[in-house]
Amino acid sequence: MSVIELREVSKVWHDTVAVDGISFRVPKGSFCVLLGPSGCGKSTTLRMIAGLEEVTRGRVFIDGRDMTEAPPAARRVAMVFQSYALFPHLNVRENILFGLKVRRVPRPEREQRLLRVAKLVGLADLLDRKPAQLSGGQRQRVALARAIISEHPICLMDEPLSNLDAQLRHEMRVEIRALQQRLGMTVVYVTHDQSEAMSMADRILLMRAGRIVQDGTPKELYERPAHLFVAAFIGTPPMNLLELADGPAGAVIRGTETPLLAGRGEGLVLGVRPEHLRLEEGEGLPVELIAADYLGADTIVMARIGDQRLAVRVPGHVRVRAGERARVRWPRGAMHLFDRTTGERLALPEAAEAEAAAS
């Protein structure tokens, strides 16, 4: 059953199209992430689901009911904001209980819910503190507790971790995902951080310029990007995208001579992820090493192939000298092909007879 469904939803301000006819469904109990760069329309989409923004065109359904015109209070959704939105003059207890008091939930029930939720999010010993006395992670827990205590089946989260440092973001990602699975909530989560999306989501909707570019599992977006934008956005470091050219015996990487694929190369882009490349001294395409970025478990080696750059992920610590020569190879199954003009994914043609890079 789809708890949330958007049908051809658009949001237009004057001459600006923020969201352009998007449609998707969020199944019950799933963790769905709206991912994309700033200004792509993901937060606006979330606010239209919540009823905080009016829908210009299209329909919003929640639990099978058309809620397009319904006020936020009628939609039975909880929301966690980027800014935490805590009342500075109220302590943790009063911040968490605020919504229940407004809805006039009886006091015994409020206290019962509070004890359960405070323990769940690790705030049981901090209920008498004011927000100014809390760390960023603790404030975020208060915002989460306030959403959970409402006991709404749907929770909308708008970049809730963006104000935290890297270590806290990682810890909170784990906590939020564990809470969602334990409580069986349906979550729609907005972020611009692809690592966050990949680690938390059951499903990702990658947006660009108000439209959904690809809708799928993290694995599908990583292993089979449907568009150049997806290939460039997903992955750290991102996929190498190398422009091809026409060669005498088939498509070549621009600036090189060794054919890779049968047929034309002009207007095409070849994608290969850094972890699928292998630096060797024997066979393969010649590259010039530029620099190395040591990350602990592995090293990202930057190299020049023809007149373009590519990144190679190498296990362990590797030192390189600028200008050093090497060769690079990759499996044919690791290659992705895109149309440079439309960005669309294309089927791979047959390998060229003189192919040297694919093994």
Protein backbone atom coordinates (compact mmCIF):
# COMPACT_ATOMS: atom_id res chain seq x y z
CA MET A 1 0.00 0.00 0.00
CA SER A 2 1.26 3.49 -0.86
CA VAL A 3 1.03 5.79 2.16
CA ILE A 4 2.05 8.84 0.09
CA GLU A 5 1.40 9.37 -3.61
CA LEU A 6 2.09 12.42 -5.75
CA ARG A 7 0.51 12.65 -9.19
CA GLU A 8 1.93 15.17 -11.66
CA VAL A 9 2.60 17.68 -8.88
CA SER A 10 4.00 21.10 -9.79
CA LYS A 11 4.85 24.25 -7.86
CA VAL A 12 5.20 27.55 -9.71
CA TRP A 13 6.05 30.97 -8.29
CA HIS A 14 5.34 33.67 -10.89
CA ASP A 15 7.62 32.60 -13.78
CA THR A 16 9.75 30.19 -11.71
CA VAL A 17 8.98 26.46 -11.85
CA ALA A 18 10.26 24.96 -8.60
CA VAL A 19 8.73 21.50 -9.07
CA ASP A 20 7.76 20.32 -12.53
CA GLY A 21 5.12 17.60 -12.78
CA ILE A 22 6.64 14.92 -10.55
CA SER A 23 4.94 11.63 -9.67
CA PHE A 24 6.00 8.99 -7.17
CA ARG A 25 4.69 6.62 -4.49
CA VAL A 26 6.09 5.93 -1.03
CA PRO A 27 5.13 2.47 0.34
CA LYS A 28 4.13 2.02 3.96
CA GLY A 29 7.04 1.63 6.37
CA SER A 30 9.72 2.62 3.85
CA PHE A 31 12.51 5.16 4.08
CA CYS A 32 12.41 7.34 0.96
CA VAL A 33 15.05 10.00 0.33
CA LEU A 34 14.61 13.05 -1.89
CA LEU A 35 18.17 13.76 -3.01
CA GLY A 36 19.62 16.52 -5.14
CA PRO A 37 21.62 19.75 -5.22
CA SER A 38 20.41 22.98 -3.63
CA GLY A 39 17.49 24.53 -5.52
CA CYS A 40 16.34 21.31 -7.20
CA GLY A 41 12.88 21.36 -5.55
CA LYS A 42 13.25 18.62 -2.94
CA SER A 43 12.35 20.74 0.12
CA THR A 44 9.46 22.34 -1.78
CA THR A 45 8.17 18.85 -2.58
CA LEU A 46 8.37 17.88 1.09
CA ARG A 47 6.52 21.03 2.13
CA MET A 48 3.74 20.30 -0.37
CA ILE A 49 3.32 16.84 1.16
CA ALA A 50 3.12 18.47 4.60
CA GLY A 51 0.65 21.11 3.42
CA LEU A 52 3.03 23.98 4.15
CA GLU A 53 3.09 24.95 0.44
CA GLU A 54 0.12 25.04 -1.90
CA VAL A 55 0.18 22.74 -4.92
CA THR A 56 -0.02 24.65 -8.21
CA ARG A 57 -0.98 21.60 -10.25
CA GLY A 58 -1.43 17.89 -9.52
CA ARG A 59 -2.73 15.92 -6.54
CA VAL A 60 -1.27 14.73 -3.22
CA PHE A 61 -2.68 11.53 -1.67
CA ILE A 62 -2.00 10.36 1.88
CA ASP A 63 -3.30 6.95 2.96
CA GLY A 64 -5.37 6.81 -0.22
CA ARG A 65 -7.17 10.11 0.48
CA ASP A 66 -6.79 13.22 -1.64
CA MET A 67 -5.18 15.71 0.76
CA THR A 68 -4.16 18.33 -1.81
CA GLU A 69 -6.31 21.03 -0.26
CA ALA A 70 -6.26 19.73 3.33
CA PRO A 71 -4.61 21.84 6.06
CA PRO A 72 -1.37 20.51 7.64
CA ALA A 73 -3.13 19.47 10.87
CA ALA A 74 -5.48 17.15 8.95
CA ARG A 75 -2.67 15.22 7.23
CA ARG A 76 -1.36 13.38 10.32
CA VAL A 77 2.29 13.85 9.48
CA ALA A 78 5.16 14.79 11.78
CA MET A 79 7.97 17.02 10.55
CA VAL A 80 11.60 17.53 11.57
CA PHE A 81 13.12 20.78 10.34
CA GLN A 82 16.71 21.66 9.49
CA SER A 83 16.79 24.39 12.15
CA TYR A 84 15.44 22.09 14.96
CA ALA A 85 12.73 24.77 15.62
CA LEU A 86 12.98 24.44 19.42
CA PHE A 87 11.54 26.99 21.84
CA PRO A 88 14.56 28.47 23.67
CA HIS A 89 12.55 29.42 26.78
CA LEU A 90 11.13 25.91 27.25
CA ASN A 91 13.06 22.95 28.63
CA VAL A 92 13.42 19.62 26.82
CA ARG A 93 10.33 18.15 28.46
CA GLU A 94 8.12 21.11 27.46
CA ASN A 95 9.52 21.20 23.91
CA ILE A 96 8.72 17.53 23.37
CA LEU A 97 5.25 17.81 24.88
CA PHE A 98 4.28 21.06 23.17
CA GLY A 99 2.32 19.47 20.32
CA LEU A 100 0.44 17.12 22.62
CA LYS A 101 -0.58 20.04 24.85
CA VAL A 102 -1.88 21.98 21.85
CA ARG A 103 -3.96 18.94 20.88
CA ARG A 104 -5.13 18.66 24.51
CA VAL A 105 -3.95 15.11 25.02
CA PRO A 106 -4.70 14.14 28.67
CA ARG A 107 -1.78 14.68 31.04
CA PRO A 108 -1.36 11.01 32.14
CA GLU A 109 -1.08 9.95 28.49
CA ARG A 110 1.38 12.79 27.76
CA GLU A 111 3.66 11.71 30.60
CA GLN A 112 3.48 8.07 29.57
CA ARG A 113 4.45 8.90 25.98
CA LEU A 114 7.19 11.26 27.14
CA LEU A 115 8.94 8.65 29.29
CA ARG A 116 8.83 6.10 26.48
CA VAL A 117 10.09 8.47 23.78
CA ALA A 118 12.76 10.15 25.95
CA LYS A 119 14.24 6.75 26.73
CA LEU A 120 14.05 5.76 23.07
CA VAL A 121 16.12 8.75 21.90
CA GLY A 122 18.46 8.95 24.90
CA LEU A 123 17.06 12.11 26.53
CA ALA A 124 15.72 10.68 29.79
CA ASP A 125 18.40 12.47 31.87
CA LEU A 126 18.14 15.80 30.03
CA LEU A 127 14.44 16.64 30.32
CA ASP A 128 14.97 19.67 32.58
CA ARG A 129 17.63 21.34 30.42
CA LYS A 130 17.03 24.27 28.07
CA PRO A 131 18.06 24.00 24.38
CA ALA A 132 21.03 26.35 24.98
CA GLN A 133 22.46 23.77 27.40
CA LEU A 134 22.43 21.00 24.78
CA SER A 135 24.85 19.98 22.06
CA GLY A 136 23.80 19.98 18.41
CA GLY A 137 23.19 16.23 18.48
CA GLN A 138 21.07 16.50 21.62
CA ARG A 139 18.98 19.29 20.10
CA GLN A 140 18.37 17.12 17.06
CA ARG A 141 17.22 14.31 19.35
CA VAL A 142 14.71 16.70 20.94
CA ALA A 143 13.33 17.54 17.48
CA LEU A 144 13.11 13.81 16.68
CA ALA A 145 11.40 13.08 19.99
CA ARG A 146 8.82 15.79 19.33
CA ALA A 147 8.04 14.16 15.97
CA ILE A 148 7.93 10.62 17.36
CA ILE A 149 5.73 11.46 20.36
CA SER A 150 2.94 12.58 18.04
CA GLU A 151 2.62 8.92 16.97
CA HIS A 152 1.82 9.93 13.41
CA PRO A 153 2.61 7.12 10.93
CA ILE A 154 4.44 9.49 8.55
CA CYS A 155 7.51 11.56 9.36
CA LEU A 156 8.92 14.20 7.00
CA MET A 157 12.54 15.28 7.56
CA ASP A 158 14.07 18.33 5.88
CA GLU A 159 17.89 18.07 5.99
CA PRO A 160 17.84 17.42 9.76
CA LEU A 161 21.58 16.68 10.04
CA SER A 162 23.07 19.49 7.98
CA ASN A 163 23.99 21.57 11.05
CA LEU A 164 25.99 18.76 12.69
CA ASP A 165 29.67 17.90 12.32
CA ALA A 166 30.75 14.83 10.33
CA GLN A 167 31.00 12.39 13.24
CA LEU A 168 27.66 13.44 14.73
CA ARG A 169 26.01 13.18 11.31
CA HIS A 170 27.19 9.59 11.02
CA GLU A 171 25.95 8.71 14.51
CA MET A 172 22.57 10.36 13.93
CA ARG A 173 22.15 8.61 10.56
CA VAL A 174 22.44 5.27 12.33
CA GLU A 175 20.06 6.35 15.10
CA ILE A 176 17.39 7.73 12.75
CA ARG A 177 17.44 4.63 10.55
CA ALA A 178 17.25 2.33 13.58
CA LEU A 179 14.35 4.33 15.03
CA GLN A 180 12.45 4.27 11.73
CA GLN A 181 12.79 0.49 11.47
CA ARG A 182 11.90 -0.07 15.12
CA LEU A 183 8.77 2.12 14.97
CA GLY A 184 7.72 1.13 11.44
CA MET A 185 7.34 4.76 10.38
CA THR A 186 7.08 5.89 6.79
CA VAL A 187 9.83 8.49 6.33
CA VAL A 188 10.41 10.97 3.51
CA TYR A 189 13.84 12.48 4.05
CA VAL A 190 15.39 15.43 2.19
CA THR A 191 19.15 15.79 1.81
CA HIS A 192 21.81 17.05 -0.61
CA ASP A 193 24.37 14.58 0.82
CA GLN A 194 24.56 11.52 -1.39
CA SER A 195 26.49 9.53 1.26
CA GLU A 196 23.62 10.15 3.68
CA ALA A 197 21.08 9.03 1.10
CA MET A 198 23.02 5.91 0.10
CA SER A 199 23.46 4.74 3.69
CA MET A 200 19.89 5.36 4.90
CA ALA A 201 17.42 4.96 2.05
CA ASP A 202 15.32 2.05 0.92
CA ARG A 203 14.71 4.15 -2.15
CA ILE A 204 16.17 7.36 -3.58
CA LEU A 205 14.47 9.93 -5.80
CA LEU A 206 17.29 11.96 -7.33
CA MET A 207 16.02 15.39 -8.41
CA ARG A 208 17.38 18.05 -10.71
CA ALA A 209 15.73 21.34 -11.76
CA GLY A 210 12.36 20.33 -10.31
CA ARG A 211 12.21 16.91 -11.94
CA ILE A 212 13.02 13.35 -10.90
CA VAL A 213 16.02 12.13 -12.88
CA GLN A 214 16.05 8.59 -11.45
CA ASP A 215 13.92 6.70 -8.94
CA GLY A 216 15.39 3.51 -7.52
CA THR A 217 17.29 1.74 -4.76
CA PRO A 218 20.76 3.01 -3.77
CA LYS A 219 22.22 -0.04 -5.52
CA GLU A 220 20.38 0.73 -8.77
CA LEU A 221 21.51 4.37 -8.82
CA TYR A 222 25.10 3.39 -8.10
CA GLU A 223 25.44 0.39 -10.40
CA ARG A 224 23.20 1.49 -13.27
CA PRO A 225 22.83 5.29 -13.43
CA ALA A 226 20.14 6.24 -15.93
CA HIS A 227 21.64 9.65 -16.72
CA LEU A 228 24.96 11.49 -16.79
CA PHE A 229 23.75 13.62 -13.88
CA VAL A 230 23.17 10.51 -11.75
CA ALA A 231 26.59 9.12 -12.64
CA ALA A 232 28.29 12.38 -11.65
CA PHE A 233 26.25 12.92 -8.46
CA ILE A 234 26.37 9.45 -6.90
CA GLY A 235 29.67 8.11 -5.58
CA THR A 236 32.67 9.43 -3.64
CA PRO A 237 34.74 10.18 -5.60
CA PRO A 238 32.21 10.36 -8.47
CA MET A 239 32.33 8.25 -11.60
CA ASN A 240 34.99 9.13 -14.15
CA LEU A 241 33.23 10.56 -17.21
CA LEU A 242 35.45 10.55 -20.29
CA GLU A 243 34.45 12.06 -23.61
CA LEU A 244 34.91 9.77 -26.60
CA ALA A 245 35.91 10.56 -30.17
CA ASP A 246 35.88 8.76 -33.52
CA GLY A 247 38.96 6.67 -34.27
CA PRO A 248 39.99 4.71 -37.39
CA ALA A 249 38.98 1.38 -35.80
CA GLY A 250 36.25 2.48 -33.40
CA ALA A 251 35.51 4.80 -30.50
CA VAL A 252 38.49 6.12 -28.55
CA ILE A 253 38.89 8.26 -25.44
CA ARG A 254 39.45 11.80 -26.70
CA GLY A 255 43.18 12.43 -27.01
CA THR A 256 44.11 8.71 -27.26
CA GLU A 257 44.43 6.27 -30.14
CA THR A 258 43.45 2.86 -28.74
CA PRO A 259 39.90 1.84 -29.80
CA LEU A 260 37.58 0.77 -26.99
CA LEU A 261 34.22 0.21 -28.67
CA ALA A 262 33.01 -0.53 -32.15
CA GLY A 263 31.35 2.31 -34.05
CA ARG A 264 31.30 6.03 -33.43
CA GLY A 265 32.61 7.80 -30.37
CA GLU A 266 31.86 11.46 -31.09
CA GLY A 267 29.02 12.71 -28.91
CA LEU A 268 29.36 9.87 -26.38
CA VAL A 269 30.68 9.78 -22.81
CA LEU A 270 32.25 6.72 -21.19
CA GLY A 271 31.77 6.26 -17.44
CA VAL A 272 33.96 4.10 -15.18
CA ARG A 273 34.02 4.23 -11.39
CA PRO A 274 37.42 4.82 -9.71
CA GLU A 275 37.28 1.52 -7.78
CA HIS A 276 36.96 -0.47 -11.01
CA LEU A 277 40.21 0.86 -12.47
CA ARG A 278 43.53 -0.94 -12.06
CA LEU A 279 46.94 0.65 -12.45
CA GLU A 280 49.43 -1.72 -14.12
CA GLU A 281 52.82 -1.64 -15.79
CA GLY A 282 52.02 -3.98 -18.68
CA GLU A 283 48.89 -3.88 -20.84
CA GLY A 284 46.25 -1.17 -20.78
CA LEU A 285 45.84 2.44 -21.78
CA PRO A 286 48.80 4.74 -21.06
CA VAL A 287 48.22 7.42 -18.40
CA GLU A 288 50.31 10.10 -16.76
CA LEU A 289 50.09 10.19 -12.96
CA ILE A 290 49.45 13.60 -11.42
CA ALA A 291 48.93 13.29 -7.65
CA ALA A 292 47.70 10.99 -4.87
CA ASP A 293 45.22 11.67 -2.08
CA TYR A 294 45.80 9.25 0.83
CA LEU A 295 42.56 8.48 2.72
CA GLY A 296 43.76 5.77 5.13
CA ALA A 297 42.20 2.57 3.83
CA ASP A 298 42.92 3.58 0.25
CA THR A 299 44.44 6.23 -1.99
CA ILE A 300 42.80 8.21 -4.78
CA VAL A 301 45.33 8.54 -7.59
CA MET A 302 44.69 11.30 -10.12
CA ALA A 303 45.91 10.61 -13.64
CA ARG A 304 45.71 12.15 -17.09
CA ILE A 305 44.50 10.07 -20.03
CA GLY A 306 44.66 11.85 -23.37
CA ASP A 307 43.55 15.40 -22.56
CA GLN A 308 41.25 14.37 -19.69
CA ARG A 309 41.61 13.44 -16.02
CA LEU A 310 40.48 10.35 -14.18
CA ALA A 311 40.57 9.12 -10.59
CA VAL A 312 41.75 5.64 -9.62
CA ARG A 313 40.99 4.16 -6.19
CA VAL A 314 43.94 2.04 -5.03
CA PRO A 315 43.97 0.01 -1.78
CA GLY A 316 46.38 1.15 0.93
CA HIS A 317 48.98 3.89 0.79
CA VAL A 318 50.41 4.68 -2.64
CA ARG A 319 52.99 7.32 -3.50
CA VAL A 320 53.22 8.77 -7.01
CA ARG A 321 55.60 11.16 -8.72
CA ALA A 322 54.07 13.82 -10.93
CA GLY A 323 54.70 12.88 -14.55
CA GLU A 324 55.20 9.18 -13.78
CA ARG A 325 53.86 6.84 -16.49
CA ALA A 326 51.57 3.87 -15.95
CA ARG A 327 48.82 1.94 -17.64
CA VAL A 328 45.19 1.54 -16.62
CA ARG A 329 42.70 -1.27 -17.23
CA TRP A 330 39.12 -2.02 -16.26
CA PRO A 331 36.59 -4.84 -16.81
CA ARG A 332 34.19 -4.37 -19.69
CA GLY A 333 31.28 -4.87 -17.29
CA ALA A 334 32.35 -1.74 -15.39
CA MET A 335 31.75 0.55 -18.38
CA HIS A 336 28.75 2.87 -18.72
CA LEU A 337 27.89 4.78 -21.89
CA PHE A 338 25.94 8.04 -22.13
CA ASP A 339 24.80 10.45 -24.80
CA ARG A 340 26.70 13.70 -24.19
CA THR A 341 23.83 15.91 -25.43
CA THR A 342 20.81 14.31 -23.75
CA GLY A 343 22.66 12.69 -20.87
CA GLU A 344 20.67 9.47 -21.37
CA ARG A 345 22.21 6.06 -20.73
CA LEU A 346 22.99 4.00 -23.84
CA ALA A 347 23.59 0.31 -24.46
CA LEU A 348 27.24 -0.64 -24.93
CA PRO A 349 28.18 -1.60 -28.52
CA GLU A 350 30.51 -4.49 -29.23
CA ALA A 351 34.13 -4.16 -28.15
CA ALA A 352 36.58 -3.03 -30.83
CA GLU A 353 38.93 -5.70 -32.14
CA ALA A 354 41.96 -3.81 -30.96
CA GLU A 355 40.50 -3.16 -27.51
CA ALA A 356 43.27 -2.81 -24.96
CA ALA A 357 41.68 -1.33 -21.85
CA ALA A 358 38.90 -3.80 -21.13
CA SER A 359 39.75 -7.27 -19.85
